[in-house]
Protein backbone atom coordinates (compact mmCIF):
# COMPACT_ATOMS: atom_id res chain seq x y z
CA MET A 1 101.22 5.08 -74.46
CA HIS A 2 99.57 2.05 -75.98
CA GLU A 3 101.27 -1.31 -75.77
CA THR A 4 101.65 -3.46 -78.88
CA GLU A 5 98.93 -5.76 -77.56
CA ASP A 6 96.44 -2.93 -78.02
CA PHE A 7 96.56 -3.52 -81.77
CA TYR A 8 95.22 -7.01 -81.26
CA GLU A 9 92.70 -6.10 -78.58
CA LEU A 10 91.19 -3.32 -80.65
CA ILE A 11 90.77 -5.28 -83.85
CA LEU A 12 89.66 -8.49 -82.13
CA ASN A 13 86.87 -6.44 -80.59
CA GLY A 14 85.95 -4.86 -83.91
CA GLU A 15 87.05 -1.35 -82.97
CA VAL A 16 87.95 -0.44 -86.55
CA ASP A 17 88.17 3.33 -86.19
CA ALA A 18 90.20 3.17 -82.97
CA PHE A 19 92.48 0.56 -84.53
CA PHE A 20 93.34 2.70 -87.53
CA GLU A 21 93.66 5.81 -85.37
CA LEU A 22 96.26 3.97 -83.29
CA ILE A 23 98.14 3.04 -86.44
CA ARG A 24 98.03 6.70 -87.53
CA SER A 25 99.27 7.89 -84.14
CA PHE A 26 102.32 5.65 -84.49
CA ASN A 27 102.81 6.87 -88.09
CA MET A 28 102.69 3.27 -89.25
CA ASP A 29 101.76 1.84 -92.65
CA PHE A 30 98.90 -0.64 -92.44
CA GLY A 31 100.35 -2.54 -95.40
CA THR A 32 103.29 -3.59 -93.24
CA LEU A 33 100.95 -4.88 -90.54
CA LYS A 34 98.43 -6.63 -92.77
CA GLY A 35 100.40 -9.85 -93.07
CA MET A 36 100.99 -9.99 -89.33
CA PHE A 37 97.27 -9.75 -88.60
CA LEU A 38 96.22 -12.10 -91.37
CA PHE A 39 98.77 -14.80 -90.63
CA GLY A 40 98.47 -14.34 -86.88
CA GLY A 41 94.92 -15.66 -87.04
CA ILE A 42 93.17 -12.39 -86.30
CA TYR A 43 90.14 -13.34 -88.38
CA ASP A 44 89.87 -16.75 -86.72
CA ASN A 45 90.11 -15.24 -83.23
CA MET A 46 87.68 -12.34 -83.61
CA THR A 47 85.43 -12.08 -80.55
CA PRO A 48 81.68 -12.51 -81.10
CA GLU A 49 81.24 -8.82 -80.34
CA GLY A 50 84.07 -7.94 -82.70
CA HIS A 51 82.52 -10.02 -85.46
CA GLU A 52 79.18 -8.27 -85.06
CA LYS A 53 80.85 -4.87 -85.21
CA MET A 54 82.81 -5.82 -88.32
CA MET A 55 79.68 -7.04 -90.07
CA ALA A 56 77.71 -3.93 -89.06
CA TYR A 57 80.48 -1.41 -89.77
CA ASP A 58 79.37 1.35 -92.14
CA ILE A 59 82.12 1.59 -94.73
CA GLY A 60 80.67 4.89 -95.92
CA GLN A 61 81.47 6.54 -92.59
CA THR A 62 85.22 6.57 -93.16
CA GLU A 63 87.51 7.99 -95.82
CA ASN A 64 90.29 5.63 -94.77
CA GLU A 65 90.73 3.27 -97.73
CA ASP A 66 92.74 0.79 -95.63
CA ALA A 67 89.87 0.54 -93.14
CA LYS A 68 87.35 -0.02 -95.94
CA LYS A 69 89.45 -2.74 -97.55
CA PHE A 70 90.11 -4.41 -94.21
CA VAL A 71 86.41 -4.64 -93.35
CA GLU A 72 85.51 -5.80 -96.85
CA ASP A 73 88.24 -8.45 -96.77
CA TYR A 74 87.06 -9.73 -93.39
CA ARG A 75 83.47 -10.01 -94.59
CA ASN A 76 84.57 -11.78 -97.75
CA TRP A 77 86.66 -14.20 -95.70
CA PHE A 78 83.82 -14.91 -93.27
CA GLU A 79 81.39 -15.67 -96.07
CA ASN A 80 83.82 -17.93 -97.95
CA LYS A 81 86.22 -19.34 -95.34
CA ASP A 82 85.02 -22.92 -95.88
CA ASP A 83 85.11 -22.73 -99.69
CA VAL A 84 88.35 -23.93 -101.26
CA ALA A 85 87.60 -21.85 -104.37
CA TYR A 86 88.02 -18.73 -102.21
CA TYR A 87 91.55 -19.76 -101.26
CA VAL A 88 92.41 -20.67 -104.85
CA LYS A 89 91.43 -17.18 -106.01
CA LYS A 90 93.18 -15.44 -103.11
CA ALA A 91 96.36 -17.43 -103.72
CA HIS A 92 96.21 -16.68 -107.45
CA ASP A 93 95.69 -12.96 -106.86
CA SER A 94 98.41 -12.83 -104.20
CA MET A 95 100.91 -14.33 -106.65
CA ASN A 96 99.89 -12.57 -109.83
CA ILE A 97 98.46 -9.21 -108.79
CA GLU A 98 99.84 -8.33 -105.37
CA GLN A 99 103.15 -10.19 -105.79
CA ASN A 100 102.85 -11.20 -102.14
CA MET A 101 104.24 -14.70 -101.84
CA SER A 102 103.81 -14.89 -98.06
CA ALA A 103 100.11 -14.24 -98.44
CA ALA A 104 99.93 -16.76 -101.28
CA GLN A 105 101.54 -19.42 -99.10
CA TYR A 106 99.03 -18.71 -96.34
CA TYR A 107 96.04 -19.09 -98.67
CA ILE A 108 97.52 -22.22 -100.25
CA GLN A 109 97.98 -23.87 -96.86
CA LYS A 110 94.49 -22.93 -95.67
CA GLY A 111 92.93 -24.19 -98.91
CA LEU A 112 94.81 -27.47 -98.80
CA GLU A 113 93.50 -28.03 -95.27
CA ILE A 114 90.03 -28.13 -96.84
CA ASP A 115 90.99 -30.06 -99.99
CA SER A 116 94.43 -31.66 -99.86
CA LYS A 117 94.14 -32.80 -103.49
CA ASN A 118 93.16 -29.47 -105.01
CA THR A 119 95.08 -29.25 -108.28
CA PRO A 120 95.53 -25.46 -108.60
CA LEU A 121 96.69 -25.11 -105.00
CA LYS A 122 99.16 -27.99 -105.32
CA LEU A 123 100.58 -26.42 -108.48
CA TYR A 124 100.75 -22.99 -106.82
CA GLU A 125 102.64 -24.55 -103.91
CA ILE A 126 105.22 -26.00 -106.30
CA TYR A 127 105.45 -22.68 -108.15
CA ILE A 128 106.35 -20.83 -104.96
CA PHE A 129 108.98 -23.39 -104.05
CA LEU A 130 110.60 -23.31 -107.47
CA ASN A 131 110.56 -19.53 -107.82
CA TYR A 132 110.79 -18.05 -104.35
CA ALA A 133 111.71 -20.53 -101.63
CA GLU A 134 115.36 -20.99 -100.78
CA ASP A 135 116.45 -24.43 -101.90
CA GLU A 136 118.11 -25.49 -98.67
CA GLU A 137 117.33 -29.12 -99.38
CA GLY A 138 119.15 -29.08 -102.71
CA ASN A 139 118.21 -30.80 -105.95
CA PRO A 140 116.53 -33.89 -104.44
CA LEU A 141 113.57 -31.75 -103.40
CA ILE A 142 113.20 -30.38 -106.93
CA LYS A 143 113.24 -33.94 -108.26
CA ALA A 144 110.54 -34.90 -105.78
CA TYR A 145 108.33 -32.08 -107.07
CA LEU A 146 108.94 -33.24 -110.63
CA GLU A 147 107.58 -36.64 -109.67
CA ILE A 148 104.50 -35.03 -108.13
CA ILE A 149 103.84 -33.00 -111.28
CA ASP A 150 104.20 -36.10 -113.46
CA MET A 151 101.71 -37.97 -111.29
CA MET A 152 99.24 -35.09 -111.51
CA ILE A 153 99.52 -34.95 -115.30
CA GLU A 154 99.21 -38.74 -115.64
CA ASN A 155 96.13 -38.80 -113.42
CA GLY A 156 94.52 -36.13 -115.57
CA ILE A 157 94.20 -32.37 -115.12
CA ASP A 158 90.83 -31.18 -116.35
CA ARG A 159 91.73 -27.67 -117.49
CA SER A 160 94.14 -26.95 -120.32
CA GLU A 161 95.52 -23.83 -118.66
CA LEU A 162 96.45 -25.89 -115.60
CA VAL A 163 98.11 -28.52 -117.78
CA ALA A 164 100.10 -25.73 -119.42
CA PHE A 165 101.02 -24.38 -116.00
CA ALA A 166 102.14 -27.85 -114.90
CA ARG A 167 104.31 -28.11 -118.03
CA TYR A 168 105.79 -24.71 -117.26
CA LEU A 169 106.59 -25.86 -113.72
CA LYS A 170 108.35 -28.94 -115.11
CA ALA A 171 110.34 -26.65 -117.41
CA ALA A 172 111.29 -24.44 -114.47
CA ALA A 173 112.34 -27.46 -112.43
CA TYR A 174 114.53 -28.86 -115.20
CA TYR A 175 115.97 -25.39 -115.74
CA ARG A 176 117.05 -25.25 -112.11
CA LEU A 177 118.53 -28.72 -112.48
CA GLU A 178 120.46 -27.37 -115.50
CA GLU A 179 118.81 -29.89 -117.82
CA LYS A 180 118.28 -27.40 -120.62
CA GLU A 181 116.89 -29.65 -123.35
CA LYS A 182 114.29 -31.21 -121.06
CA SER A 183 113.33 -27.72 -119.92
CA LYS A 184 112.87 -26.61 -123.54
CA THR A 185 110.73 -29.65 -124.32
CA GLU A 186 108.36 -28.99 -121.45
CA MET A 187 108.15 -25.28 -122.19
CA LYS A 188 107.23 -26.01 -125.81
CA LYS A 189 104.44 -28.32 -124.59
CA ALA A 190 103.18 -25.46 -122.43
CA ILE A 191 103.27 -23.10 -125.42
CA GLU A 192 101.19 -25.53 -127.49
CA LEU A 193 98.43 -25.21 -124.91
CA MET A 194 98.92 -21.53 -124.09
CA PRO A 195 100.94 -19.38 -126.53
CA GLU A 196 101.45 -16.83 -123.74
CA TYR A 197 104.28 -19.00 -122.45
CA GLN A 198 106.33 -18.06 -125.52
CA ALA A 199 107.48 -14.95 -123.66
CA VAL A 200 108.65 -17.12 -120.77
CA TYR A 201 110.49 -19.39 -123.19
CA GLU A 202 112.30 -16.42 -124.68
CA ASP A 203 113.16 -15.15 -121.22
CA TYR A 204 114.68 -18.54 -120.39
CA PHE A 205 116.43 -19.33 -123.63
CA GLY A 206 116.40 -16.24 -125.87
CA LYS A 207 114.37 -15.53 -129.01
CA ASN A 208 116.58 -17.46 -131.38
CA ASP A 209 117.25 -20.54 -129.28
């Protein structure tokens, strides 16, 4: 019987087929393990031999879609791990396509380690706090994020869609603070830049408000 550590040993050494066979033998879903391996630093700790095997792995030799995606994701990470744009895209896709906020937080943190002033990542970080994180700190933390957003807007955001997103975040923050009129004002500013936010406005306040 394999020990849990075998999962790590196999994948760190690039034994893709054996790794997924072990998962199958335990009747486990790779999707439930993916976060554990990603956030546990598996990619960063791949052995030199494991890296070579991952790069040389013939995706066409397996019908296992999880194995294919895993190898492709590793290769994509290795080629782009020092590029903040990679983490911006991964964070965006994690939030908007996969609806995986834990993954988004991981990519945001890794990207900010490269560029601590990256505007999209900073806005994504605030978005996750306002929409998904438990507000154990209370309203003062929301107010602190409002100040950060204001500073970012005042200093200039170079893309209109990001300005609209920042306005939406301000609206969401005021909404949580129960300052309805301020929330409406910011949402309307977001709509001026991106009409798509009209649906969000109606979700917040109703069609006739």
